Amino acid sequence: MDFALSDVQQQIRDEILRLCAKFDETYWLKHENEAKFPIEFYNAMAEGNWLGIAMPEEYGGAGLGISEAAIMAQAIAESGAAMSGASAIHMNIFGLNPVVVYGTDEQKRRMLPPIIQGKDKTCFGVTEPNAGLNTTEITTRAELRGDHYVVNGTKIWTSTAQVANKVLLLTRTTPLDKVKRKSDGMTLFYTDLDRSAAEVRLIHKMGRHAVDSNMVFYENMRIPVENRIGDEGKGFQALIHGLNPERVLIAAEAIGIGRAALARATRYARERVVFGRPIGMNQGIQHPLAKNWAELEAADLVMQKAAWLYDNGKECGAEANAAKYLGAEAGFRAAEQAVMTHGGMGYAQEYHVERLFRESVLPRLAPVSRELVLCYIAERVLDLPKSY
């Protein structure tokens, strides 16, 4: 059993860190304070052909796996870009996996190259205000009318909708009370985000201001039949092919945030002198930081296992969910401890740990809550009865 990165994987990490070094803490703080999408970073990633790291080679991608994508995402977050950098390119990495798996040859030729090249920016239209994590309860409706569908409904927490020109949209084509299984009757589309029929309304939030989050109100938006991904009524099954990779990437990014915060905390602990000695000499400072390191390393191993299982076509639901849970918790605790290590200066923007702390909250909340992860493991792994 070899835990070392392969030569290719190490090269990916090194090159991403070199690229990210061009976008320092000042860059991210500026975009955070101005709530400005990091287009320069996005373009640099596209020019380096990094957006297609896990996409098929025949459409311009690198043809690598989620393992390599996770290494890239973690390095981005670890560089100090945190969720602002990772979320800017998230959808390019895993979002169109349903197209790769269920799309026709024509759809793949039409849809994948522009997203790999960075010419298209896409957003993810799944969550709804009255459904939340209970995806089967969505009510956004798509009605077939000849050669197109007409969509009406509301989505929430649609990231990058302010700058996106495309949307991966989950709808109901058969009412919930007319299907045998709750997961049936939903249809997935990848289509233009037609702003004449979709009102995008910004959500002001706690952190990650550089990457917008929104409510989107769809009113009679037309979607051509040829933009339907897979069979009508089987959209949830298609969507599943993006969920486990997303959990792995979120875990990697949370661990990256934790490592970035830990690096800043340990540097400050070595340099900050109080009562004639560096505060890092005090076990009250040392022990929490050492615990953070151990937790981040443990979470990283589970994340790597989940990615390996996915890339090798094996069942990885439990491991992907566990990685997301452990990574998010370890990243949050490391970012929290970094603030506390800095004392009062941890509250100041100039030390950047307050930004990392705010962004470390997001992986704990999304794309699935801690509680539902634990329910999943309890039911699927421990064979305990369903609690909801």
Protein backbone atom coordinates (compact mmCIF):
# COMPACT_ATOMS: atom_id res chain seq x y z
CA MET A 1 0.00 0.00 0.00
CA ASP A 2 1.61 3.23 -1.23
CA PHE A 3 0.46 6.52 0.31
CA ALA A 4 2.80 8.69 -1.75
CA LEU A 5 1.56 10.90 -4.57
CA SER A 6 2.46 9.63 -8.01
CA ASP A 7 4.85 11.72 -10.12
CA VAL A 8 1.87 13.07 -12.10
CA GLN A 9 -0.05 13.91 -8.94
CA GLN A 10 2.93 15.66 -7.36
CA GLN A 11 3.42 17.63 -10.58
CA ILE A 12 -0.25 18.71 -10.47
CA ARG A 13 0.11 19.93 -6.90
CA ASP A 14 3.36 21.79 -7.61
CA GLU A 15 2.05 23.47 -10.76
CA ILE A 16 -1.21 24.54 -9.12
CA LEU A 17 0.64 26.04 -6.16
CA ARG A 18 2.91 27.93 -8.58
CA LEU A 19 -0.10 29.25 -10.48
CA CYS A 20 -1.89 30.22 -7.26
CA ALA A 21 1.18 32.09 -6.03
CA LYS A 22 0.32 34.74 -8.65
CA PHE A 23 -2.91 35.36 -6.76
CA ASP A 24 -1.82 36.25 -3.26
CA GLU A 25 -3.76 37.01 -0.10
CA THR A 26 -4.20 40.64 -1.14
CA TYR A 27 -5.93 39.51 -4.35
CA TRP A 28 -8.42 37.32 -2.48
CA LEU A 29 -9.10 39.89 0.24
CA LYS A 30 -9.76 42.55 -2.41
CA HIS A 31 -12.20 40.32 -4.30
CA GLU A 32 -13.83 39.32 -1.03
CA ASN A 33 -14.37 42.91 0.07
CA GLU A 34 -15.58 44.01 -3.37
CA ALA A 35 -17.73 40.88 -3.90
CA LYS A 36 -16.06 40.53 -7.29
CA PHE A 37 -15.80 37.24 -9.19
CA PRO A 38 -12.09 36.24 -9.56
CA ILE A 39 -12.14 36.27 -13.35
CA GLU A 40 -8.35 36.60 -13.64
CA PHE A 41 -7.88 33.43 -11.61
CA TYR A 42 -10.61 31.64 -13.56
CA ASN A 43 -8.99 32.60 -16.87
CA ALA A 44 -5.55 31.48 -15.67
CA MET A 45 -6.97 28.08 -14.73
CA ALA A 46 -8.64 27.81 -18.14
CA GLU A 47 -5.46 28.80 -19.99
CA GLY A 48 -3.57 26.10 -18.11
CA ASN A 49 -6.22 23.55 -19.18
CA TRP A 50 -6.95 22.78 -15.54
CA LEU A 51 -10.72 23.13 -15.82
CA GLY A 52 -10.93 19.86 -17.72
CA ILE A 53 -8.72 17.85 -15.38
CA ALA A 54 -11.32 15.10 -14.92
CA MET A 55 -13.02 15.42 -18.33
CA PRO A 56 -12.51 12.95 -21.22
CA GLU A 57 -9.50 13.58 -23.43
CA GLU A 58 -11.52 13.33 -26.65
CA TYR A 59 -13.33 16.55 -25.72
CA GLY A 60 -10.23 18.46 -24.64
CA GLY A 61 -9.94 17.33 -21.04
CA ALA A 62 -6.99 15.73 -19.29
CA GLY A 63 -8.78 12.43 -18.74
CA LEU A 64 -7.61 12.15 -15.13
CA GLY A 65 -9.62 11.13 -12.10
CA ILE A 66 -11.32 12.68 -9.10
CA SER A 67 -8.14 11.83 -7.16
CA GLU A 68 -6.20 14.30 -9.30
CA ALA A 69 -9.05 16.83 -9.24
CA ALA A 70 -9.07 16.65 -5.44
CA ILE A 71 -5.31 17.28 -5.31
CA MET A 72 -5.85 20.35 -7.47
CA ALA A 73 -8.81 21.63 -5.44
CA GLN A 74 -6.98 21.12 -2.17
CA ALA A 75 -3.91 22.99 -3.42
CA ILE A 76 -6.10 25.90 -4.52
CA ALA A 77 -7.74 26.17 -1.10
CA GLU A 78 -4.43 25.64 0.70
CA SER A 79 -2.83 28.50 -1.23
CA GLY A 80 -5.09 30.93 0.62
CA ALA A 81 -7.72 31.12 -2.10
CA ALA A 82 -9.96 28.97 0.13
CA MET A 83 -13.54 28.48 -1.05
CA SER A 84 -13.46 31.63 -3.17
CA GLY A 85 -10.88 30.08 -5.47
CA ALA A 86 -12.24 26.55 -5.36
CA SER A 87 -15.87 27.53 -5.89
CA ALA A 88 -14.98 29.66 -8.89
CA ILE A 89 -14.11 26.51 -10.86
CA HIS A 90 -16.09 23.86 -8.96
CA MET A 91 -18.78 23.25 -11.55
CA ASN A 92 -16.24 22.87 -14.35
CA ILE A 93 -14.64 19.94 -12.54
CA PHE A 94 -17.58 17.76 -11.49
CA GLY A 95 -20.80 19.49 -12.50
CA LEU A 96 -21.07 18.08 -16.00
CA ASN A 97 -20.33 14.51 -14.97
CA PRO A 98 -23.98 13.64 -15.75
CA VAL A 99 -23.32 14.78 -19.33
CA VAL A 100 -20.20 12.60 -19.50
CA VAL A 101 -22.17 9.57 -18.27
CA TYR A 102 -25.63 10.08 -19.79
CA GLY A 103 -25.13 12.59 -22.60
CA THR A 104 -25.32 11.63 -26.26
CA ASP A 105 -22.23 11.92 -28.45
CA GLU A 106 -23.70 15.09 -29.96
CA GLN A 107 -24.30 16.59 -26.52
CA LYS A 108 -20.78 15.81 -25.35
CA ARG A 109 -19.25 17.39 -28.46
CA ARG A 110 -21.42 20.48 -28.01
CA MET A 111 -21.40 20.90 -24.25
CA LEU A 112 -18.04 19.74 -22.88
CA PRO A 113 -15.35 21.65 -24.86
CA PRO A 114 -16.68 25.14 -23.97
CA ILE A 115 -16.78 24.32 -20.25
CA ILE A 116 -13.28 22.80 -20.39
CA GLN A 117 -11.93 25.84 -22.25
CA GLY A 118 -13.54 28.25 -19.80
CA LYS A 119 -15.71 29.82 -22.50
CA ASP A 120 -18.87 28.73 -20.69
CA LYS A 121 -19.54 29.34 -17.02
CA THR A 122 -22.25 27.19 -15.51
CA CYS A 123 -24.30 27.14 -12.32
CA PHE A 124 -26.10 24.38 -10.45
CA GLY A 125 -29.89 24.67 -10.16
CA VAL A 126 -31.06 21.97 -7.76
CA THR A 127 -31.87 23.28 -4.25
CA GLU A 128 -35.24 24.95 -3.66
CA PRO A 129 -36.49 27.15 -0.79
CA ASN A 130 -39.18 24.69 0.32
CA ALA A 131 -37.27 21.46 -0.38
CA GLY A 132 -33.76 22.02 0.93
CA LEU A 133 -31.90 18.72 1.19
CA ASN A 134 -35.10 16.77 0.45
CA THR A 135 -34.49 16.92 -3.28
CA THR A 136 -37.43 14.67 -4.16
CA GLU A 137 -39.77 17.44 -2.96
CA ILE A 138 -38.70 19.97 -5.60
CA THR A 139 -41.56 21.68 -7.41
CA THR A 140 -39.84 23.51 -10.28
CA ARG A 141 -41.86 22.22 -13.21
CA ALA A 142 -40.82 21.48 -16.79
CA GLU A 143 -43.67 20.89 -19.26
CA LEU A 144 -43.02 19.42 -22.70
CA ARG A 145 -44.49 21.49 -25.50
CA GLY A 146 -43.51 20.05 -28.85
CA ASP A 147 -39.77 20.46 -29.39
CA HIS A 148 -39.11 22.29 -26.12
CA TYR A 149 -39.88 22.35 -22.41
CA VAL A 150 -41.22 25.33 -20.48
CA VAL A 151 -39.84 25.75 -16.96
CA ASN A 152 -41.43 27.55 -14.02
CA GLY A 153 -40.23 27.57 -10.42
CA THR A 154 -37.66 28.87 -7.94
CA LYS A 155 -34.16 27.71 -7.03
CA ILE A 156 -31.95 28.88 -4.17
CA TRP A 157 -28.23 28.84 -3.37
CA THR A 158 -27.40 28.83 -7.06
CA SER A 159 -23.71 29.78 -7.01
CA THR A 160 -22.16 31.86 -9.83
CA ALA A 161 -25.54 32.64 -11.42
CA GLN A 162 -24.49 36.30 -11.60
CA VAL A 163 -21.74 35.43 -14.09
CA ALA A 164 -22.91 32.09 -15.57
CA ASN A 165 -24.33 31.68 -19.06
CA LYS A 166 -25.33 28.02 -18.55
CA VAL A 167 -27.25 26.10 -15.91
CA LEU A 168 -27.50 22.43 -14.93
CA LEU A 169 -31.15 22.40 -13.91
CA LEU A 170 -33.15 19.72 -12.11
CA THR A 171 -36.92 19.88 -12.60
CA ARG A 172 -40.06 17.85 -12.09
CA THR A 173 -41.72 16.57 -15.24
CA THR A 174 -44.11 14.25 -13.39
CA PRO A 175 -45.84 15.40 -10.18
CA LEU A 176 -44.66 13.72 -7.00
CA ASP A 177 -48.08 12.19 -6.33
CA LYS A 178 -48.02 10.39 -9.68
CA VAL A 179 -44.73 8.49 -9.38
CA LYS A 180 -44.02 5.13 -7.75
CA ARG A 181 -40.71 6.22 -6.27
CA LYS A 182 -40.08 9.74 -5.02
CA SER A 183 -36.84 9.91 -6.98
CA ASP A 184 -38.70 9.27 -10.26
CA GLY A 185 -40.31 11.95 -12.38
CA MET A 186 -37.41 14.43 -12.24
CA THR A 187 -35.62 15.54 -15.41
CA LEU A 188 -32.17 17.10 -15.78
CA PHE A 189 -31.24 19.76 -18.32
CA TYR A 190 -28.04 21.53 -19.30
CA THR A 191 -29.03 24.69 -21.08
CA ASP A 192 -28.62 28.43 -21.54
CA LEU A 193 -29.50 30.57 -18.53
CA ASP A 194 -31.99 32.78 -20.36
CA ARG A 195 -32.06 35.97 -18.30
CA SER A 196 -35.17 37.20 -20.08
CA ALA A 197 -37.02 34.34 -18.34
CA ALA A 198 -34.84 33.84 -15.25
CA GLU A 199 -34.49 36.53 -12.59
CA VAL A 200 -31.25 36.16 -10.63
CA ARG A 201 -31.37 37.71 -7.16
CA LEU A 202 -28.18 37.95 -5.06
CA ILE A 203 -28.11 36.49 -1.53
CA HIS A 204 -25.95 38.52 0.86
CA LYS A 205 -24.10 36.05 3.04
CA MET A 206 -21.45 35.48 5.71
CA GLY A 207 -18.44 34.75 3.52
CA ARG A 208 -17.13 33.74 0.11
CA HIS A 209 -18.35 37.02 -1.30
CA ALA A 210 -16.12 36.70 -4.35
CA VAL A 211 -18.35 33.88 -5.59
CA ASP A 212 -22.01 34.86 -5.63
CA SER A 213 -24.97 32.85 -4.32
CA ASN A 214 -28.46 33.51 -5.56
CA MET A 215 -32.15 32.81 -5.76
CA VAL A 216 -33.27 32.25 -9.35
CA PHE A 217 -36.89 32.68 -10.39
CA TYR A 218 -37.80 30.86 -13.61
CA GLU A 219 -40.85 32.08 -15.50
CA ASN A 220 -41.70 30.28 -18.74
CA MET A 221 -38.05 29.64 -19.63
CA ARG A 222 -37.83 27.55 -22.80
CA ILE A 223 -35.41 24.62 -22.97
CA PRO A 224 -34.93 22.73 -26.25
CA VAL A 225 -35.50 18.98 -26.02
CA GLU A 226 -31.94 18.40 -27.20
CA ASN A 227 -30.68 19.95 -23.93
CA ARG A 228 -32.27 17.22 -21.81
CA ILE A 229 -29.64 14.99 -20.18
CA GLY A 230 -30.71 11.34 -20.20
CA ASP A 231 -34.28 10.13 -20.24
CA GLU A 232 -37.22 12.18 -19.08
CA GLY A 233 -38.06 11.31 -15.49
CA LYS A 234 -34.58 9.93 -14.74
CA GLY A 235 -32.85 13.17 -13.85
CA PHE A 236 -32.20 12.31 -10.23
CA GLN A 237 -30.34 9.14 -11.25
CA ALA A 238 -28.24 11.21 -13.66
CA LEU A 239 -27.55 13.84 -11.00
CA ILE A 240 -26.19 11.21 -8.60
CA HIS A 241 -23.09 10.88 -10.81
CA GLY A 242 -22.02 14.34 -9.69
CA LEU A 243 -22.79 14.05 -5.97
CA ASN A 244 -20.05 11.72 -4.69
CA PRO A 245 -17.30 13.57 -6.60
CA GLU A 246 -18.64 16.83 -5.17
CA ARG A 247 -18.38 15.48 -1.63
CA VAL A 248 -14.80 14.39 -2.25
CA LEU A 249 -13.85 17.79 -3.65
CA ILE A 250 -15.54 19.66 -0.79
CA ALA A 251 -13.58 17.50 1.66
CA ALA A 252 -10.32 18.26 -0.15
CA GLU A 253 -11.04 21.98 -0.13
CA ALA A 254 -11.99 22.03 3.55
CA ILE A 255 -8.74 20.24 4.39
CA GLY A 256 -6.90 22.79 2.23
CA ILE A 257 -8.47 25.65 4.19
CA GLY A 258 -7.48 23.94 7.44
CA ARG A 259 -3.89 23.57 6.28
CA ALA A 260 -3.76 27.20 5.18
CA ALA A 261 -5.07 28.31 8.56
CA LEU A 262 -2.70 26.00 10.43
CA ALA A 263 0.29 27.34 8.51
CA ARG A 264 -0.62 30.90 9.43
CA ALA A 265 -1.24 29.98 13.06
CA THR A 266 2.05 28.17 13.51
CA ARG A 267 3.99 30.96 11.82
CA TYR A 268 2.37 33.53 14.13
CA ALA A 269 3.02 31.30 17.17
CA ARG A 270 6.73 31.17 16.30
CA GLU A 271 7.00 34.92 15.73
CA ARG A 272 4.72 36.43 18.38
CA VAL A 273 6.60 37.15 21.60
CA VAL A 274 4.72 37.73 24.86
CA PHE A 275 6.30 37.81 28.34
CA GLY A 276 9.71 37.45 26.70
CA ARG A 277 9.05 34.19 24.80
CA PRO A 278 7.31 33.03 21.63
CA ILE A 279 3.76 32.01 22.40
CA GLY A 280 4.44 28.79 20.47
CA MET A 281 6.53 27.60 23.44
CA ASN A 282 3.35 27.33 25.50
CA GLN A 283 1.63 23.96 25.46
CA GLY A 284 -1.71 25.76 25.57
CA ILE A 285 -0.87 26.96 22.06
CA GLN A 286 1.06 23.88 20.89
CA HIS A 287 -1.40 21.13 21.74
CA PRO A 288 -4.50 22.48 19.96
CA LEU A 289 -2.45 23.10 16.80
CA ALA A 290 -0.91 19.63 16.96
CA LYS A 291 -4.40 18.17 17.30
CA ASN A 292 -5.51 20.16 14.25
CA TRP A 293 -2.66 18.66 12.22
CA ALA A 294 -3.60 15.13 13.24
CA GLU A 295 -7.28 15.67 12.41
CA LEU A 296 -6.46 17.14 8.99
CA GLU A 297 -4.14 14.24 8.15
CA ALA A 298 -6.77 11.66 9.16
CA ALA A 299 -9.48 13.39 7.11
CA ASP A 300 -7.12 13.56 4.14
CA LEU A 301 -6.60 9.79 4.17
CA VAL A 302 -10.35 9.12 4.11
CA MET A 303 -10.75 11.65 1.30
CA GLN A 304 -8.03 9.95 -0.74
CA LYS A 305 -9.67 6.56 -0.20
CA ALA A 306 -13.06 7.88 -1.36
CA ALA A 307 -11.50 9.38 -4.48
CA TRP A 308 -9.65 6.14 -5.24
CA LEU A 309 -12.82 4.11 -4.88
CA TYR A 310 -14.71 6.43 -7.23
CA ASP A 311 -11.95 6.42 -9.83
CA ASN A 312 -11.84 2.63 -9.76
CA GLY A 313 -15.57 2.23 -10.25
CA LYS A 314 -16.26 0.98 -6.74
CA GLU A 315 -19.03 1.95 -4.34
CA CYS A 316 -17.88 5.03 -2.46
CA GLY A 317 -21.00 6.63 -0.97
CA ALA A 318 -20.07 5.99 2.66
CA GLU A 319 -16.45 7.05 2.21
CA ALA A 320 -17.34 10.18 0.20
CA ASN A 321 -19.81 11.26 2.84
CA ALA A 322 -17.40 10.45 5.67
CA ALA A 323 -14.65 12.40 3.93
CA LYS A 324 -16.92 15.40 3.57
CA TYR A 325 -17.87 15.20 7.24
CA LEU A 326 -14.35 14.70 8.59
CA GLY A 327 -12.75 17.20 6.24
CA ALA A 328 -15.28 19.91 7.02
CA GLU A 329 -14.97 19.42 10.77
CA ALA A 330 -11.17 19.31 10.74
CA GLY A 331 -10.94 22.36 8.46
CA PHE A 332 -13.33 24.35 10.63
CA ARG A 333 -11.52 23.50 13.87
CA ALA A 334 -8.15 24.42 12.38
CA ALA A 335 -9.48 27.75 11.10
CA GLU A 336 -11.12 28.47 14.47
CA GLN A 337 -7.89 27.66 16.32
CA ALA A 338 -5.94 29.90 13.93
CA VAL A 339 -8.13 32.83 14.93
CA MET A 340 -7.70 32.03 18.62
CA THR A 341 -3.93 31.64 18.24
CA HIS A 342 -3.73 35.13 16.78
CA GLY A 343 -5.69 36.52 19.70
CA GLY A 344 -7.17 39.93 18.96
CA MET A 345 -5.32 40.13 15.65
CA GLY A 346 -7.20 37.03 14.53
CA TYR A 347 -10.21 39.29 14.20
CA ALA A 348 -8.34 41.64 11.85
CA GLN A 349 -8.58 41.18 8.09
CA GLU A 350 -4.89 41.80 7.54
CA TYR A 351 -3.99 38.41 9.03
CA HIS A 352 -6.50 36.59 6.77
CA VAL A 353 -7.44 33.92 9.30
CA GLU A 354 -10.85 35.52 9.90
CA ARG A 355 -11.59 35.08 6.17
CA LEU A 356 -10.47 31.45 6.29
CA PHE A 357 -12.64 30.92 9.37
CA ARG A 358 -15.72 32.34 7.67
CA GLU A 359 -15.14 30.25 4.57
CA SER A 360 -14.54 27.11 6.64
CA VAL A 361 -18.18 27.20 7.75
CA LEU A 362 -19.47 26.53 4.23
CA PRO A 363 -18.24 22.91 3.87
CA ARG A 364 -20.00 22.06 7.13
CA LEU A 365 -23.31 23.22 5.64
CA ALA A 366 -23.14 22.19 2.01
CA PRO A 367 -23.73 20.28 -0.16
CA VAL A 368 -25.21 18.09 2.59
CA SER A 369 -25.52 18.72 6.32
CA ARG A 370 -23.44 16.96 8.95
CA GLU A 371 -26.59 15.38 10.35
CA LEU A 372 -27.67 13.82 7.05
CA VAL A 373 -24.16 12.46 6.51
CA LEU A 374 -24.39 10.71 9.87
CA CYS A 375 -27.87 9.42 9.00
CA TYR A 376 -26.52 8.03 5.73
CA ILE A 377 -23.68 6.20 7.46
CA ALA A 378 -25.96 4.93 10.22
CA GLU A 379 -28.43 3.49 7.70
CA ARG A 380 -26.16 2.34 4.86
CA VAL A 381 -23.13 1.17 6.82
CA LEU A 382 -24.43 0.28 10.27
CA ASP A 383 -27.80 -1.05 9.02
CA LEU A 384 -29.78 1.02 11.50
CA PRO A 385 -33.44 1.87 10.75
CA LYS A 386 -34.18 5.04 8.80
CA SER A 387 -34.89 7.95 11.13
CA TYR A 388 -36.76 10.28 8.78
